[in-house]
C-alpha atoms as a PDB file:
ATOM      1  CA  MET A   1     -75.218  -5.316  18.001  1.00  0.00           C
ATOM      2  CA  VAL A   2     -76.275  -1.377  18.036  1.00  0.00           C
ATOM      3  CA  THR A   3     -75.511   0.742  14.813  1.00  0.00           C
ATOM      4  CA  PRO A   4     -74.480   3.888  14.235  1.00  0.00           C
ATOM      5  CA  GLU A   5     -77.550   4.599  11.915  1.00  0.00           C
ATOM      6  CA  GLN A   6     -80.329   3.225  14.800  1.00  0.00           C
ATOM      7  CA  LEU A   7     -78.907   5.164  17.555  1.00  0.00           C
ATOM      8  CA  LYS A   8     -79.787   8.080  15.413  1.00  0.00           C
ATOM      9  CA  GLU A   9     -82.417   6.754  15.249  1.00  0.00           C
ATOM     10  CA  TRP A  10     -83.160   6.663  18.990  1.00  0.00           C
ATOM     11  CA  ILE A  11     -81.731   9.809  20.005  1.00  0.00           C
ATOM     12  CA  GLU A  12     -84.031  11.813  17.069  1.00  0.00           C
ATOM     13  CA  ALA A  13     -86.730  10.413  18.109  1.00  0.00           C
ATOM     14  CA  GLY A  14     -86.473  11.824  21.625  1.00  0.00           C
ATOM     15  CA  PHE A  15     -86.107  15.830  19.931  1.00  0.00           C
ATOM     16  CA  ASP A  16     -88.019  17.257  17.699  1.00  0.00           C
ATOM     17  CA  GLY A  17     -86.062  18.366  14.567  1.00  0.00           C
ATOM     18  CA  ALA A  18     -82.948  17.747  15.318  1.00  0.00           C
ATOM     19  CA  GLN A  19     -80.353  16.753  13.090  1.00  0.00           C
ATOM     20  CA  VAL A  20     -78.081  14.216  14.318  1.00  0.00           C
ATOM     21  CA  SER A  21     -74.820  12.586  13.248  1.00  0.00           C
ATOM     22  CA  VAL A  22     -73.271   9.150  14.741  1.00  0.00           C
ATOM     23  CA  GLU A  23     -69.449   7.254  14.171  1.00  0.00           C
ATOM     24  CA  GLY A  24     -68.967   4.149  15.951  1.00  0.00           C
ATOM     25  CA  ASP A  25     -68.333   0.486  15.984  1.00  0.00           C
ATOM     26  CA  GLY A  26     -71.402  -0.697  17.612  1.00  0.00           C
ATOM     27  CA  HIS A  27     -69.478  -0.271  20.699  1.00  0.00           C
ATOM     28  CA  HIS A  28     -68.395   3.161  21.206  1.00  0.00           C
ATOM     29  CA  PHE A  29     -69.858   6.339  19.914  1.00  0.00           C
ATOM     30  CA  GLU A  30     -69.363   9.760  18.964  1.00  0.00           C
ATOM     31  CA  ALA A  31     -72.590  11.792  18.057  1.00  0.00           C
ATOM     32  CA  VAL A  32     -72.888  15.370  16.957  1.00  0.00           C
ATOM     33  CA  ILE A  33     -76.312  16.688  18.137  1.00  0.00           C
ATOM     34  CA  ILE A  34     -78.282  19.986  16.877  1.00  0.00           C
ATOM     35  CA  ALA A  35     -81.420  20.715  18.783  1.00  0.00           C
ATOM     36  CA  ASN A  36     -83.075  23.618  19.652  1.00  0.00           C
ATOM     37  CA  GLU A  37     -84.005  22.616  23.148  1.00  0.00           C
ATOM     38  CA  PHE A  38     -80.644  22.987  24.205  1.00  0.00           C
ATOM     39  CA  GLU A  39     -81.355  26.294  23.958  1.00  0.00           C
ATOM     40  CA  GLY A  40     -79.993  27.892  27.522  1.00  0.00           C
ATOM     41  CA  GLN A  41     -78.896  24.720  29.040  1.00  0.00           C
ATOM     42  CA  SER A  42     -76.120  24.003  30.442  1.00  0.00           C
ATOM     43  CA  ARG A  43     -73.632  21.283  28.509  1.00  0.00           C
ATOM     44  CA  ILE A  44     -74.651  18.553  31.526  1.00  0.00           C
ATOM     45  CA  ARG A  45     -78.450  19.583  31.132  1.00  0.00           C
ATOM     46  CA  ARG A  46     -77.538  18.787  27.330  1.00  0.00           C
ATOM     47  CA  HIS A  47     -76.641  15.333  27.913  1.00  0.00           C
ATOM     48  CA  GLN A  48     -78.972  14.205  30.106  1.00  0.00           C
ATOM     49  CA  LEU A  49     -81.435  15.707  27.476  1.00  0.00           C
ATOM     50  CA  VAL A  50     -79.686  13.045  25.478  1.00  0.00           C
ATOM     51  CA  TYR A  51     -79.276   9.796  27.767  1.00  0.00           C
ATOM     52  CA  LYS A  52     -83.232  10.649  28.446  1.00  0.00           C
ATOM     53  CA  ALA A  53     -84.076  10.013  24.932  1.00  0.00           C
ATOM     54  CA  LEU A  54     -81.834   7.208  24.575  1.00  0.00           C
ATOM     55  CA  GLY A  55     -83.231   5.639  28.715  1.00  0.00           C
ATOM     56  CA  ASP A  56     -82.429   2.234  28.739  1.00  0.00           C
ATOM     57  CA  LYS A  57     -80.521   1.448  25.720  1.00  0.00           C
ATOM     58  CA  MET A  58     -77.589   3.064  27.175  1.00  0.00           C
ATOM     59  CA  LYS A  59     -77.413   1.407  29.949  1.00  0.00           C
ATOM     60  CA  ALA A  60     -77.897  -2.143  28.006  1.00  0.00           C
ATOM     61  CA  GLU A  61     -77.048  -1.734  24.099  1.00  0.00           C
ATOM     62  CA  VAL A  62     -74.650   1.903  24.368  1.00  0.00           C
ATOM     63  CA  HIS A  63     -70.937   1.021  26.352  1.00  0.00           C
ATOM     64  CA  ALA A  64     -69.561   4.712  25.293  1.00  0.00           C
ATOM     65  CA  LEU A  65     -71.040   8.073  23.771  1.00  0.00           C
ATOM     66  CA  SER A  66     -69.352  10.682  23.600  1.00  0.00           C
ATOM     67  CA  MET A  67     -71.388  13.407  22.051  1.00  0.00           C
ATOM     68  CA  LYS A  68     -71.259  17.443  20.584  1.00  0.00           C
ATOM     69  CA  THR A  69     -74.183  18.860  21.962  1.00  0.00           C
ATOM     70  CA  VAL A  70     -75.006  22.403  20.190  1.00  0.00           C
ATOM     71  CA  THR A  71     -77.889  24.804  19.179  1.00  0.00           C
ATOM     72  CA  PRO A  72     -78.304  25.563  15.969  1.00  0.00           C
ATOM     73  CA  ALA A  73     -77.142  29.045  15.878  1.00  0.00           C
ATOM     74  CA  GLU A  74     -74.081  27.555  17.855  1.00  0.00           C
ATOM     75  CA  HIS A  75     -73.406  25.187  14.821  1.00  0.00           C
ATOM     76  CA  GLU A  76     -73.598  28.110  12.579  1.00  0.00           C
ATOM     77  CA  GLY A  77     -70.783  30.243  14.499  1.00  0.00           C
ATOM     78  CA  ALA A  78     -68.603  27.413  14.159  1.00  0.00           C
END
């Protein structure tokens, strides 16, 4: 079973200096990802970048992932 900590590490590995927090029960997860790579990207593109970072793990090990994807500037303004 996947832990929130594992999912956090997998996402962080796909981004340079991202801040990631993940909560979940091993099947369903909620993540907040703050990354410079999201600058100028649509919400759909941001989610695609996260899915790319997770690769095949999204198909086999993670059943449901809800995410909030923001830039550092957006996070500070929230």
